[in-house]
């Protein structure tokens, strides 16, 4: 998914460059460029977040945790992972249900380009499903490593 997010980022850069060339050299700007780039940036966020979590790249504030005992840090880390599993499951479920509803009713996002709304909601569902899997994997590994040490 991170590779797909990277490809989309390159596509967005190329689209913006093409827009600049069309606007200043041909005097015919691309009407759809901003909208397509919005959709690409939206997609990048949900495709890249699980990979970023796996690599440990999410923002964390360690000013408090560095003053805690290792046992308390482990407890807080597990609580954060369990919370991530729960929140990801809730958002994944709601986005899936809403996507199905939008699919059956045919809801469109109407701008320059009409796009079915369920595409975006399924993308949210996929992103949070992968986040759920990664949070669960990390929690499982953390629990397993503690059992092996005991």
C-alpha atoms as a PDB file:
ATOM      1  CA  UNK A   1       0.000   0.000   0.000  1.00  0.00           C
ATOM      2  CA  UNK A   2       2.891   2.341   0.722  1.00  0.00           C
ATOM      3  CA  UNK A   3       4.214   1.678  -2.782  1.00  0.00           C
ATOM      4  CA  UNK A   4       0.815   2.570  -4.229  1.00  0.00           C
ATOM      5  CA  UNK A   5       0.772   5.743  -2.100  1.00  0.00           C
ATOM      6  CA  UNK A   6       4.221   6.629  -3.458  1.00  0.00           C
ATOM      7  CA  UNK A   7       3.075   6.076  -7.037  1.00  0.00           C
ATOM      8  CA  UNK A   8       0.060   8.305  -6.392  1.00  0.00           C
ATOM      9  CA  UNK A   9       2.332  11.009  -4.995  1.00  0.00           C
ATOM     10  CA  UNK A  10       4.471  10.919  -8.134  1.00  0.00           C
ATOM     11  CA  UNK A  11       1.275  11.089 -10.217  1.00  0.00           C
ATOM     12  CA  UNK A  12       0.120  14.163  -8.279  1.00  0.00           C
ATOM     13  CA  UNK A  13       3.453  15.884  -8.863  1.00  0.00           C
ATOM     14  CA  UNK A  14       3.286  15.111 -12.587  1.00  0.00           C
ATOM     15  CA  UNK A  15      -0.304  16.372 -12.802  1.00  0.00           C
ATOM     16  CA  UNK A  16       0.650  19.644 -11.104  1.00  0.00           C
ATOM     17  CA  UNK A  17       3.615  20.079 -13.459  1.00  0.00           C
ATOM     18  CA  UNK A  18       1.360  19.392 -16.428  1.00  0.00           C
ATOM     19  CA  UNK A  19      -1.145  21.945 -15.099  1.00  0.00           C
ATOM     20  CA  UNK A  20       1.560  24.587 -14.787  1.00  0.00           C
ATOM     21  CA  UNK A  21       2.727  23.943 -18.336  1.00  0.00           C
ATOM     22  CA  UNK A  22      -0.819  24.035 -19.701  1.00  0.00           C
ATOM     23  CA  UNK A  23      -1.670  27.213 -17.801  1.00  0.00           C
ATOM     24  CA  UNK A  24       1.395  29.271 -18.699  1.00  0.00           C
ATOM     25  CA  UNK A  25       2.430  27.960 -22.104  1.00  0.00           C
ATOM     26  CA  UNK A  26      -0.818  26.879 -23.766  1.00  0.00           C
ATOM     27  CA  UNK A  27      -3.165  29.163 -21.761  1.00  0.00           C
ATOM     28  CA  UNK A  28      -5.614  26.306 -21.178  1.00  0.00           C
ATOM     29  CA  UNK A  29      -5.608  25.273 -17.512  1.00  0.00           C
ATOM     30  CA  UNK A  30      -6.821  21.833 -16.518  1.00  0.00           C
ATOM     31  CA  UNK A  31     -10.124  22.317 -14.724  1.00  0.00           C
ATOM     32  CA  UNK A  32      -9.997  18.915 -13.025  1.00  0.00           C
ATOM     33  CA  UNK A  33      -6.417  19.103 -11.709  1.00  0.00           C
ATOM     34  CA  UNK A  34      -7.127  20.426  -8.212  1.00  0.00           C
ATOM     35  CA  UNK A  35      -9.906  17.935  -7.628  1.00  0.00           C
ATOM     36  CA  UNK A  36      -7.866  14.943  -8.785  1.00  0.00           C
ATOM     37  CA  UNK A  37      -4.953  16.026  -6.578  1.00  0.00           C
ATOM     38  CA  UNK A  38      -7.363  16.304  -3.617  1.00  0.00           C
ATOM     39  CA  UNK A  39      -8.482  12.721  -4.212  1.00  0.00           C
ATOM     40  CA  UNK A  40      -4.882  11.559  -4.550  1.00  0.00           C
ATOM     41  CA  UNK A  41      -3.843  13.230  -1.270  1.00  0.00           C
ATOM     42  CA  UNK A  42      -6.876  11.712   0.448  1.00  0.00           C
ATOM     43  CA  UNK A  43      -5.883   8.279  -0.851  1.00  0.00           C
ATOM     44  CA  UNK A  44      -2.241   8.676   0.167  1.00  0.00           C
ATOM     45  CA  UNK A  45      -3.245   9.306   3.776  1.00  0.00           C
ATOM     46  CA  UNK A  46      -5.255   6.104   4.084  1.00  0.00           C
ATOM     47  CA  UNK A  47      -2.864   3.938   2.088  1.00  0.00           C
ATOM     48  CA  UNK A  48       0.283   5.174   3.842  1.00  0.00           C
ATOM     49  CA  UNK A  49      -0.892   5.216   7.455  1.00  0.00           C
ATOM     50  CA  UNK A  50      -0.611   1.435   8.090  1.00  0.00           C
ATOM     51  CA  UNK A  51       2.919   1.341   6.647  1.00  0.00           C
ATOM     52  CA  UNK A  52       3.903   4.341   8.740  1.00  0.00           C
ATOM     53  CA  UNK A  53       2.576   2.621  11.868  1.00  0.00           C
ATOM     54  CA  UNK A  54       4.549  -0.524  11.018  1.00  0.00           C
ATOM     55  CA  UNK A  55       7.752   1.507  10.624  1.00  0.00           C
ATOM     56  CA  UNK A  56       7.123   3.386  13.885  1.00  0.00           C
ATOM     57  CA  UNK A  57       6.880   6.725  12.103  1.00  0.00           C
ATOM     58  CA  UNK A  58       3.749   8.068  13.771  1.00  0.00           C
ATOM     59  CA  UNK A  59       4.128  11.060  16.028  1.00  0.00           C
ATOM     60  CA  UNK A  60       4.657  10.197  19.671  1.00  0.00           C
ATOM     61  CA  UNK A  61       5.246  12.327  22.724  1.00  0.00           C
ATOM     62  CA  UNK A  62       7.819  10.699  24.965  1.00  0.00           C
ATOM     63  CA  UNK A  63       8.329  13.572  27.413  1.00  0.00           C
ATOM     64  CA  UNK A  64       6.089  11.757  29.921  1.00  0.00           C
ATOM     65  CA  UNK A  65       6.934   8.155  29.141  1.00  0.00           C
ATOM     66  CA  UNK A  66      10.695   8.600  29.438  1.00  0.00           C
ATOM     67  CA  UNK A  67      10.237   9.319  33.153  1.00  0.00           C
ATOM     68  CA  UNK A  68       8.208   6.165  33.776  1.00  0.00           C
ATOM     69  CA  UNK A  69       9.379   2.732  34.790  1.00  0.00           C
ATOM     70  CA  UNK A  70       9.757   0.116  32.055  1.00  0.00           C
ATOM     71  CA  UNK A  71       6.719  -1.721  33.406  1.00  0.00           C
ATOM     72  CA  UNK A  72       4.551   1.396  33.221  1.00  0.00           C
ATOM     73  CA  UNK A  73       5.861   2.216  29.712  1.00  0.00           C
ATOM     74  CA  UNK A  74       4.945  -1.302  28.589  1.00  0.00           C
ATOM     75  CA  UNK A  75       1.465  -0.886  30.089  1.00  0.00           C
ATOM     76  CA  UNK A  76       0.965   2.449  28.323  1.00  0.00           C
ATOM     77  CA  UNK A  77       2.237   1.041  25.014  1.00  0.00           C
ATOM     78  CA  UNK A  78      -0.176  -1.889  25.254  1.00  0.00           C
ATOM     79  CA  UNK A  79      -3.035   0.420  26.173  1.00  0.00           C
ATOM     80  CA  UNK A  80      -2.280   2.571  23.126  1.00  0.00           C
ATOM     81  CA  UNK A  81      -2.158  -0.491  20.860  1.00  0.00           C
ATOM     82  CA  UNK A  82      -5.394  -1.903  22.280  1.00  0.00           C
ATOM     83  CA  UNK A  83      -7.040   1.500  21.862  1.00  0.00           C
ATOM     84  CA  UNK A  84      -5.795   1.556  18.274  1.00  0.00           C
ATOM     85  CA  UNK A  85      -7.379  -1.840  17.640  1.00  0.00           C
ATOM     86  CA  UNK A  86     -10.714  -0.728  19.098  1.00  0.00           C
ATOM     87  CA  UNK A  87     -10.842   2.670  17.370  1.00  0.00           C
ATOM     88  CA  UNK A  88      -9.724   1.186  14.048  1.00  0.00           C
ATOM     89  CA  UNK A  89     -12.390  -1.529  14.290  1.00  0.00           C
ATOM     90  CA  UNK A  90     -15.120   1.023  15.007  1.00  0.00           C
ATOM     91  CA  UNK A  91     -14.121   3.357  12.171  1.00  0.00           C
ATOM     92  CA  UNK A  92     -13.633   0.429   9.786  1.00  0.00           C
ATOM     93  CA  UNK A  93     -17.107  -0.908  10.607  1.00  0.00           C
ATOM     94  CA  UNK A  94     -18.860   2.431  10.275  1.00  0.00           C
ATOM     95  CA  UNK A  95     -17.069   3.340   7.054  1.00  0.00           C
ATOM     96  CA  UNK A  96     -17.922  -0.060   5.566  1.00  0.00           C
ATOM     97  CA  UNK A  97     -21.598   0.268   6.525  1.00  0.00           C
ATOM     98  CA  UNK A  98     -21.748   3.805   5.149  1.00  0.00           C
ATOM     99  CA  UNK A  99     -19.954   2.739   1.958  1.00  0.00           C
ATOM    100  CA  UNK A 100     -22.510  -0.013   1.393  1.00  0.00           C
ATOM    101  CA  UNK A 101     -25.346   2.439   1.967  1.00  0.00           C
ATOM    102  CA  UNK A 102     -23.828   4.948  -0.471  1.00  0.00           C
ATOM    103  CA  UNK A 103     -23.250   2.172  -2.996  1.00  0.00           C
ATOM    104  CA  UNK A 104     -26.864   0.990  -2.867  1.00  0.00           C
ATOM    105  CA  UNK A 105     -28.296   4.519  -2.998  1.00  0.00           C
ATOM    106  CA  UNK A 106     -25.846   5.761  -5.649  1.00  0.00           C
ATOM    107  CA  UNK A 107     -24.561   8.817  -3.757  1.00  0.00           C
ATOM    108  CA  UNK A 108     -22.110  10.911  -5.793  1.00  0.00           C
ATOM    109  CA  UNK A 109     -19.487  13.460  -4.824  1.00  0.00           C
ATOM    110  CA  UNK A 110     -20.436  16.213  -7.235  1.00  0.00           C
ATOM    111  CA  UNK A 111     -17.696  18.637  -8.190  1.00  0.00           C
ATOM    112  CA  UNK A 112     -15.989  19.037 -11.547  1.00  0.00           C
ATOM    113  CA  UNK A 113     -15.905  15.255 -11.801  1.00  0.00           C
ATOM    114  CA  UNK A 114     -18.781  13.151 -10.450  1.00  0.00           C
ATOM    115  CA  UNK A 115     -17.333  10.280  -8.416  1.00  0.00           C
ATOM    116  CA  UNK A 116     -19.331   7.689  -6.476  1.00  0.00           C
ATOM    117  CA  UNK A 117     -18.877   8.386  -2.768  1.00  0.00           C
ATOM    118  CA  UNK A 118     -18.532   4.727  -1.838  1.00  0.00           C
ATOM    119  CA  UNK A 119     -15.049   4.625  -3.405  1.00  0.00           C
ATOM    120  CA  UNK A 120     -13.757   7.028  -0.785  1.00  0.00           C
ATOM    121  CA  UNK A 121     -15.548   5.270   2.048  1.00  0.00           C
ATOM    122  CA  UNK A 122     -14.205   1.867   0.998  1.00  0.00           C
ATOM    123  CA  UNK A 123     -10.723   3.407   0.941  1.00  0.00           C
ATOM    124  CA  UNK A 124     -11.238   4.635   4.517  1.00  0.00           C
ATOM    125  CA  UNK A 125     -12.449   1.154   5.454  1.00  0.00           C
ATOM    126  CA  UNK A 126      -9.390  -0.472   3.846  1.00  0.00           C
ATOM    127  CA  UNK A 127      -6.990   1.936   5.541  1.00  0.00           C
ATOM    128  CA  UNK A 128      -8.485   1.346   8.966  1.00  0.00           C
ATOM    129  CA  UNK A 129      -8.679  -2.412   8.410  1.00  0.00           C
ATOM    130  CA  UNK A 130      -4.949  -2.438   7.725  1.00  0.00           C
ATOM    131  CA  UNK A 131      -4.333  -0.188  10.748  1.00  0.00           C
ATOM    132  CA  UNK A 132      -6.390  -2.605  12.851  1.00  0.00           C
ATOM    133  CA  UNK A 133      -4.268  -5.525  11.636  1.00  0.00           C
ATOM    134  CA  UNK A 134      -1.031  -3.676  12.362  1.00  0.00           C
ATOM    135  CA  UNK A 135      -2.111  -2.558  15.845  1.00  0.00           C
ATOM    136  CA  UNK A 136      -3.210  -6.138  16.607  1.00  0.00           C
ATOM    137  CA  UNK A 137       0.087  -7.543  15.270  1.00  0.00           C
ATOM    138  CA  UNK A 138       2.120  -5.142  17.395  1.00  0.00           C
ATOM    139  CA  UNK A 139       0.035  -5.878  20.488  1.00  0.00           C
ATOM    140  CA  UNK A 140       0.388  -9.625  19.925  1.00  0.00           C
ATOM    141  CA  UNK A 141       4.171  -9.341  19.506  1.00  0.00           C
ATOM    142  CA  UNK A 142       4.458  -7.176  22.604  1.00  0.00           C
ATOM    143  CA  UNK A 143       2.453  -9.646  24.698  1.00  0.00           C
ATOM    144  CA  UNK A 144       4.391 -12.593  23.276  1.00  0.00           C
ATOM    145  CA  UNK A 145       7.786 -11.018  23.955  1.00  0.00           C
ATOM    146  CA  UNK A 146       6.834 -10.413  27.576  1.00  0.00           C
ATOM    147  CA  UNK A 147       5.705 -14.023  27.999  1.00  0.00           C
ATOM    148  CA  UNK A 148       9.035 -15.259  26.583  1.00  0.00           C
ATOM    149  CA  UNK A 149      10.986 -13.119  29.061  1.00  0.00           C
ATOM    150  CA  UNK A 150       8.971 -14.391  32.044  1.00  0.00           C
END
